[in-house]
Amino acid sequence: MKHDLIDVFWLIIYPITLGGGKRLFAGGAIPAAFMLADSAVASNGVIVVNYERAGAIATGSY
């Protein structure tokens, strides 16, 4: 992530808790916008998601 080389993420999410956990991305990651391209849920509750790069991060004003 810190070299801005990622265009697609495939994540497999298991419905368990193992403790404090680790960060998915370490410090130094470049902010990037992604959008959900595909998803599926298995009968055992496992979720598979595909995120694709969505361009610049959109920010708003309040």
PDB file of N, CA and C in Angstrom:
ATOM      1  N   MET A   1       0.817  -1.196   0.000  1.00  0.00           N
ATOM      2  CA  MET A   1       0.000   0.000   0.000  1.00  0.00           C
ATOM      3  C   MET A   1       0.857   1.255   0.000  1.00  0.00           C
ATOM      4  N   LYS A   2       1.993   1.236   0.647  1.00  0.00           N
ATOM      5  CA  LYS A   2       2.739   2.487   0.733  1.00  0.00           C
ATOM      6  C   LYS A   2       3.398   2.873  -0.586  1.00  0.00           C
ATOM      7  N   HIS A   3       3.436   1.960  -1.562  1.00  0.00           N
ATOM      8  CA  HIS A   3       3.996   2.276  -2.880  1.00  0.00           C
ATOM      9  C   HIS A   3       2.910   2.474  -3.934  1.00  0.00           C
ATOM     10  N   ASP A   4       1.641   2.449  -3.521  1.00  0.00           N
ATOM     11  CA  ASP A   4       0.503   2.716  -4.407  1.00  0.00           C
ATOM     12  C   ASP A   4       0.454   1.747  -5.597  1.00  0.00           C
ATOM     13  N   LEU A   5       0.632   0.454  -5.326  1.00  0.00           N
ATOM     14  CA  LEU A   5       0.665  -0.554  -6.390  1.00  0.00           C
ATOM     15  C   LEU A   5      -0.566  -1.463  -6.410  1.00  0.00           C
ATOM     16  N   ILE A   6      -1.522  -1.241  -5.531  1.00  0.00           N
ATOM     17  CA  ILE A   6      -2.684  -2.122  -5.409  1.00  0.00           C
ATOM     18  C   ILE A   6      -3.870  -1.560  -6.185  1.00  0.00           C
ATOM     19  N   ASP A   7      -4.444  -2.368  -7.088  1.00  0.00           N
ATOM     20  CA  ASP A   7      -5.639  -1.978  -7.838  1.00  0.00           C
ATOM     21  C   ASP A   7      -6.860  -2.808  -7.451  1.00  0.00           C
ATOM     22  N   VAL A   8      -6.624  -4.011  -6.906  1.00  0.00           N
ATOM     23  CA  VAL A   8      -7.714  -4.930  -6.575  1.00  0.00           C
ATOM     24  C   VAL A   8      -7.407  -5.612  -5.244  1.00  0.00           C
ATOM     25  N   PHE A   9      -8.422  -5.747  -4.398  1.00  0.00           N
ATOM     26  CA  PHE A   9      -8.317  -6.518  -3.164  1.00  0.00           C
ATOM     27  C   PHE A   9      -9.310  -7.659  -3.216  1.00  0.00           C
ATOM     28  N   TRP A  10      -8.869  -8.846  -2.885  1.00  0.00           N
ATOM     29  CA  TRP A  10      -9.754  -9.978  -2.631  1.00  0.00           C
ATOM     30  C   TRP A  10      -9.596 -10.284  -1.153  1.00  0.00           C
ATOM     31  N   LEU A  11     -10.664 -10.135  -0.390  1.00  0.00           N
ATOM     32  CA  LEU A  11     -10.619 -10.398   1.042  1.00  0.00           C
ATOM     33  C   LEU A  11     -11.531 -11.571   1.369  1.00  0.00           C
ATOM     34  N   ILE A  12     -11.045 -12.450   2.236  1.00  0.00           N
ATOM     35  CA  ILE A  12     -11.845 -13.558   2.742  1.00  0.00           C
ATOM     36  C   ILE A  12     -12.011 -13.312   4.234  1.00  0.00           C
ATOM     37  N   ILE A  13     -13.252 -13.154   4.663  1.00  0.00           N
ATOM     38  CA  ILE A  13     -13.548 -12.773   6.039  1.00  0.00           C
ATOM     39  C   ILE A  13     -14.215 -13.948   6.745  1.00  0.00           C
ATOM     40  N   TYR A  14     -13.576 -14.417   7.823  1.00  0.00           N
ATOM     41  CA  TYR A  14     -14.108 -15.519   8.617  1.00  0.00           C
ATOM     42  C   TYR A  14     -14.814 -14.955   9.849  1.00  0.00           C
ATOM     43  N   PRO A  15     -15.986 -15.470  10.207  1.00  0.00           N
ATOM     44  CA  PRO A  15     -16.757 -14.938  11.329  1.00  0.00           C
ATOM     45  C   PRO A  15     -16.271 -15.463  12.686  1.00  0.00           C
ATOM     46  N   ILE A  16     -15.021 -15.120  13.048  1.00  0.00           N
ATOM     47  CA  ILE A  16     -14.466 -15.524  14.340  1.00  0.00           C
ATOM     48  C   ILE A  16     -13.710 -14.348  14.950  1.00  0.00           C
ATOM     49  N   THR A  17     -13.519 -14.402  16.253  1.00  0.00           N
ATOM     50  CA  THR A  17     -12.719 -13.402  16.956  1.00  0.00           C
ATOM     51  C   THR A  17     -11.567 -14.122  17.636  1.00  0.00           C
ATOM     52  N   LEU A  18     -10.348 -13.643  17.397  1.00  0.00           N
ATOM     53  CA  LEU A  18      -9.167 -14.306  17.948  1.00  0.00           C
ATOM     54  C   LEU A  18      -8.415 -13.442  18.957  1.00  0.00           C
ATOM     55  N   GLY A  19      -8.932 -12.296  19.301  1.00  0.00           N
ATOM     56  CA  GLY A  19      -8.239 -11.443  20.259  1.00  0.00           C
ATOM     57  C   GLY A  19      -8.121 -10.030  19.737  1.00  0.00           C
ATOM     58  N   GLY A  20      -7.013  -9.365  20.085  1.00  0.00           N
ATOM     59  CA  GLY A  20      -6.806  -7.965  19.721  1.00  0.00           C
ATOM     60  C   GLY A  20      -6.689  -7.739  18.226  1.00  0.00           C
ATOM     61  N   GLY A  21      -6.158  -8.701  17.515  1.00  0.00           N
ATOM     62  CA  GLY A  21      -6.048  -8.583  16.065  1.00  0.00           C
ATOM     63  C   GLY A  21      -4.903  -7.702  15.607  1.00  0.00           C
ATOM     64  N   LYS A  22      -4.655  -7.727  14.324  1.00  0.00           N
ATOM     65  CA  LYS A  22      -3.612  -6.920  13.700  1.00  0.00           C
ATOM     66  C   LYS A  22      -4.255  -6.006  12.675  1.00  0.00           C
ATOM     67  N   ARG A  23      -3.605  -4.882  12.407  1.00  0.00           N
ATOM     68  CA  ARG A  23      -4.095  -3.961  11.385  1.00  0.00           C
ATOM     69  C   ARG A  23      -3.934  -4.605  10.012  1.00  0.00           C
ATOM     70  N   LEU A  24      -4.901  -4.396   9.150  1.00  0.00           N
ATOM     71  CA  LEU A  24      -4.819  -4.920   7.791  1.00  0.00           C
ATOM     72  C   LEU A  24      -3.701  -4.222   7.023  1.00  0.00           C
ATOM     73  N   PHE A  25      -3.533  -2.916   7.252  1.00  0.00           N
ATOM     74  CA  PHE A  25      -2.481  -2.149   6.589  1.00  0.00           C
ATOM     75  C   PHE A  25      -1.643  -1.440   7.635  1.00  0.00           C
ATOM     76  N   ALA A  26      -0.344  -1.613   7.551  1.00  0.00           N
ATOM     77  CA  ALA A  26       0.568  -0.970   8.493  1.00  0.00           C
ATOM     78  C   ALA A  26       0.662   0.520   8.196  1.00  0.00           C
ATOM     79  N   GLY A  27       1.316   1.247   9.080  1.00  0.00           N
ATOM     80  CA  GLY A  27       1.506   2.679   8.872  1.00  0.00           C
ATOM     81  C   GLY A  27       2.237   2.957   7.569  1.00  0.00           C
ATOM     82  N   GLY A  28       2.019   4.119   7.012  1.00  0.00           N
ATOM     83  CA  GLY A  28       2.674   4.500   5.770  1.00  0.00           C
ATOM     84  C   GLY A  28       1.858   4.205   4.529  1.00  0.00           C
ATOM     85  N   ALA A  29       0.667   3.640   4.686  1.00  0.00           N
ATOM     86  CA  ALA A  29      -0.179   3.352   3.525  1.00  0.00           C
ATOM     87  C   ALA A  29      -0.694   4.656   2.923  1.00  0.00           C
ATOM     88  N   ILE A  30      -0.715   4.729   1.607  1.00  0.00           N
ATOM     89  CA  ILE A  30      -1.229   5.900   0.898  1.00  0.00           C
ATOM     90  C   ILE A  30      -2.751   5.786   0.838  1.00  0.00           C
ATOM     91  N   PRO A  31      -3.495   6.818   1.249  1.00  0.00           N
ATOM     92  CA  PRO A  31      -4.959   6.750   1.175  1.00  0.00           C
ATOM     93  C   PRO A  31      -5.427   6.490  -0.262  1.00  0.00           C
ATOM     94  N   ALA A  32      -6.394   5.600  -0.412  1.00  0.00           N
ATOM     95  CA  ALA A  32      -6.924   5.260  -1.729  1.00  0.00           C
ATOM     96  C   ALA A  32      -8.393   4.882  -1.589  1.00  0.00           C
ATOM     97  N   ALA A  33      -9.182   5.159  -2.604  1.00  0.00           N
ATOM     98  CA  ALA A  33     -10.607   4.813  -2.605  1.00  0.00           C
ATOM     99  C   ALA A  33     -10.815   3.507  -3.370  1.00  0.00           C
ATOM    100  N   PHE A  34     -11.651   2.640  -2.810  1.00  0.00           N
ATOM    101  CA  PHE A  34     -12.003   1.378  -3.446  1.00  0.00           C
ATOM    102  C   PHE A  34     -13.515   1.227  -3.420  1.00  0.00           C
ATOM    103  N   MET A  35     -14.060   0.497  -4.385  1.00  0.00           N
ATOM    104  CA  MET A  35     -15.499   0.232  -4.390  1.00  0.00           C
ATOM    105  C   MET A  35     -15.726  -1.269  -4.509  1.00  0.00           C
ATOM    106  N   LEU A  36     -16.819  -1.729  -3.937  1.00  0.00           N
ATOM    107  CA  LEU A  36     -17.146  -3.147  -3.964  1.00  0.00           C
ATOM    108  C   LEU A  36     -17.504  -3.570  -5.383  1.00  0.00           C
ATOM    109  N   ALA A  37     -16.782  -4.572  -5.911  1.00  0.00           N
ATOM    110  CA  ALA A  37     -17.034  -5.061  -7.263  1.00  0.00           C
ATOM    111  C   ALA A  37     -17.811  -6.374  -7.254  1.00  0.00           C
ATOM    112  N   ASP A  38     -17.605  -7.184  -6.209  1.00  0.00           N
ATOM    113  CA  ASP A  38     -18.261  -8.487  -6.151  1.00  0.00           C
ATOM    114  C   ASP A  38     -18.219  -8.988  -4.715  1.00  0.00           C
ATOM    115  N   SER A  39     -19.178  -9.815  -4.355  1.00  0.00           N
ATOM    116  CA  SER A  39     -19.180 -10.415  -3.018  1.00  0.00           C
ATOM    117  C   SER A  39     -19.952 -11.722  -3.051  1.00  0.00           C
ATOM    118  N   ALA A  40     -19.622 -12.589  -2.109  1.00  0.00           N
ATOM    119  CA  ALA A  40     -20.325 -13.861  -1.968  1.00  0.00           C
ATOM    120  C   ALA A  40     -20.246 -14.291  -0.512  1.00  0.00           C
ATOM    121  N   VAL A  41     -21.285 -14.974  -0.052  1.00  0.00           N
ATOM    122  CA  VAL A  41     -21.318 -15.498   1.309  1.00  0.00           C
ATOM    123  C   VAL A  41     -21.490 -17.010   1.226  1.00  0.00           C
ATOM    124  N   ALA A  42     -20.575 -17.735   1.867  1.00  0.00           N
ATOM    125  CA  ALA A  42     -20.653 -19.195   1.880  1.00  0.00           C
ATOM    126  C   ALA A  42     -21.638 -19.658   2.950  1.00  0.00           C
ATOM    127  N   SER A  43     -22.058 -20.909   2.879  1.00  0.00           N
ATOM    128  CA  SER A  43     -23.028 -21.448   3.837  1.00  0.00           C
ATOM    129  C   SER A  43     -22.500 -21.461   5.270  1.00  0.00           C
ATOM    130  N   ASN A  44     -21.167 -21.448   5.436  1.00  0.00           N
ATOM    131  CA  ASN A  44     -20.579 -21.434   6.777  1.00  0.00           C
ATOM    132  C   ASN A  44     -20.354 -20.012   7.305  1.00  0.00           C
ATOM    133  N   GLY A  45     -20.803 -18.996   6.564  1.00  0.00           N
ATOM    134  CA  GLY A  45     -20.692 -17.615   7.006  1.00  0.00           C
ATOM    135  C   GLY A  45     -19.462 -16.882   6.512  1.00  0.00           C
ATOM    136  N   VAL A  46     -18.560 -17.564   5.825  1.00  0.00           N
ATOM    137  CA  VAL A  46     -17.369 -16.913   5.278  1.00  0.00           C
ATOM    138  C   VAL A  46     -17.798 -15.963   4.163  1.00  0.00           C
ATOM    139  N   ILE A  47     -17.238 -14.756   4.175  1.00  0.00           N
ATOM    140  CA  ILE A  47     -17.571 -13.743   3.175  1.00  0.00           C
ATOM    141  C   ILE A  47     -16.356 -13.520   2.285  1.00  0.00           C
ATOM    142  N   VAL A  48     -16.552 -13.546   0.979  1.00  0.00           N
ATOM    143  CA  VAL A  48     -15.493 -13.258   0.012  1.00  0.00           C
ATOM    144  C   VAL A  48     -15.890 -11.982  -0.713  1.00  0.00           C
ATOM    145  N   VAL A  49     -15.010 -10.977  -0.653  1.00  0.00           N
ATOM    146  CA  VAL A  49     -15.313  -9.702  -1.302  1.00  0.00           C
ATOM    147  C   VAL A  49     -14.184  -9.290  -2.228  1.00  0.00           C
ATOM    148  N   ASN A  50     -14.552  -8.605  -3.292  1.00  0.00           N
ATOM    149  CA  ASN A  50     -13.598  -8.086  -4.269  1.00  0.00           C
ATOM    150  C   ASN A  50     -13.804  -6.577  -4.345  1.00  0.00           C
ATOM    151  N   TYR A  51     -12.765  -5.830  -3.994  1.00  0.00           N
ATOM    152  CA  TYR A  51     -12.795  -4.373  -4.096  1.00  0.00           C
ATOM    153  C   TYR A  51     -11.855  -3.935  -5.207  1.00  0.00           C
ATOM    154  N   GLU A  52     -12.300  -2.987  -6.038  1.00  0.00           N
ATOM    155  CA  GLU A  52     -11.477  -2.448  -7.115  1.00  0.00           C
ATOM    156  C   GLU A  52     -11.218  -0.968  -6.882  1.00  0.00           C
ATOM    157  N   ARG A  53     -10.100  -0.498  -7.384  1.00  0.00           N
ATOM    158  CA  ARG A  53      -9.698   0.904  -7.212  1.00  0.00           C
ATOM    159  C   ARG A  53     -10.760   1.819  -7.798  1.00  0.00           C
ATOM    160  N   ALA A  54     -11.088   2.890  -7.072  1.00  0.00           N
ATOM    161  CA  ALA A  54     -12.163   3.794  -7.484  1.00  0.00           C
ATOM    162  C   ALA A  54     -11.665   5.218  -7.695  1.00  0.00           C
ATOM    163  N   GLY A  55     -10.380   5.392  -7.901  1.00  0.00           N
ATOM    164  CA  GLY A  55      -9.858   6.732  -8.156  1.00  0.00           C
ATOM    165  C   GLY A  55      -9.517   7.473  -6.879  1.00  0.00           C
ATOM    166  N   ALA A  56      -9.564   8.784  -6.964  1.00  0.00           N
ATOM    167  CA  ALA A  56      -9.181   9.633  -5.839  1.00  0.00           C
ATOM    168  C   ALA A  56     -10.219   9.555  -4.726  1.00  0.00           C
ATOM    169  N   ILE A  57      -9.780   9.811  -3.528  1.00  0.00           N
ATOM    170  CA  ILE A  57     -10.683   9.828  -2.380  1.00  0.00           C
ATOM    171  C   ILE A  57     -11.550  11.069  -2.449  1.00  0.00           C
ATOM    172  N   ALA A  58     -12.857  10.865  -2.348  1.00  0.00           N
ATOM    173  CA  ALA A  58     -13.793  11.991  -2.372  1.00  0.00           C
ATOM    174  C   ALA A  58     -13.955  12.526  -0.958  1.00  0.00           C
ATOM    175  N   THR A  59     -13.780  13.814  -0.795  1.00  0.00           N
ATOM    176  CA  THR A  59     -13.986  14.448   0.505  1.00  0.00           C
ATOM    177  C   THR A  59     -15.065  15.499   0.369  1.00  0.00           C
ATOM    178  N   GLY A  60     -15.693  15.792   1.443  1.00  0.00           N
ATOM    179  CA  GLY A  60     -16.756  16.796   1.412  1.00  0.00           C
ATOM    180  C   GLY A  60     -16.478  17.897   2.410  1.00  0.00           C
ATOM    181  N   SER A  61     -17.318  18.883   2.397  1.00  0.00           N
ATOM    182  CA  SER A  61     -17.197  19.958   3.377  1.00  0.00           C
ATOM    183  C   SER A  61     -18.468  19.978   4.211  1.00  0.00           C
ATOM    184  N   TYR A  62     -18.352  20.443   5.407  1.00  0.00           N
ATOM    185  CA  TYR A  62     -19.495  20.456   6.318  1.00  0.00           C
ATOM    186  C   TYR A  62     -19.919  21.857   6.610  1.00  0.00           C
TER     187      TYR A  62
END
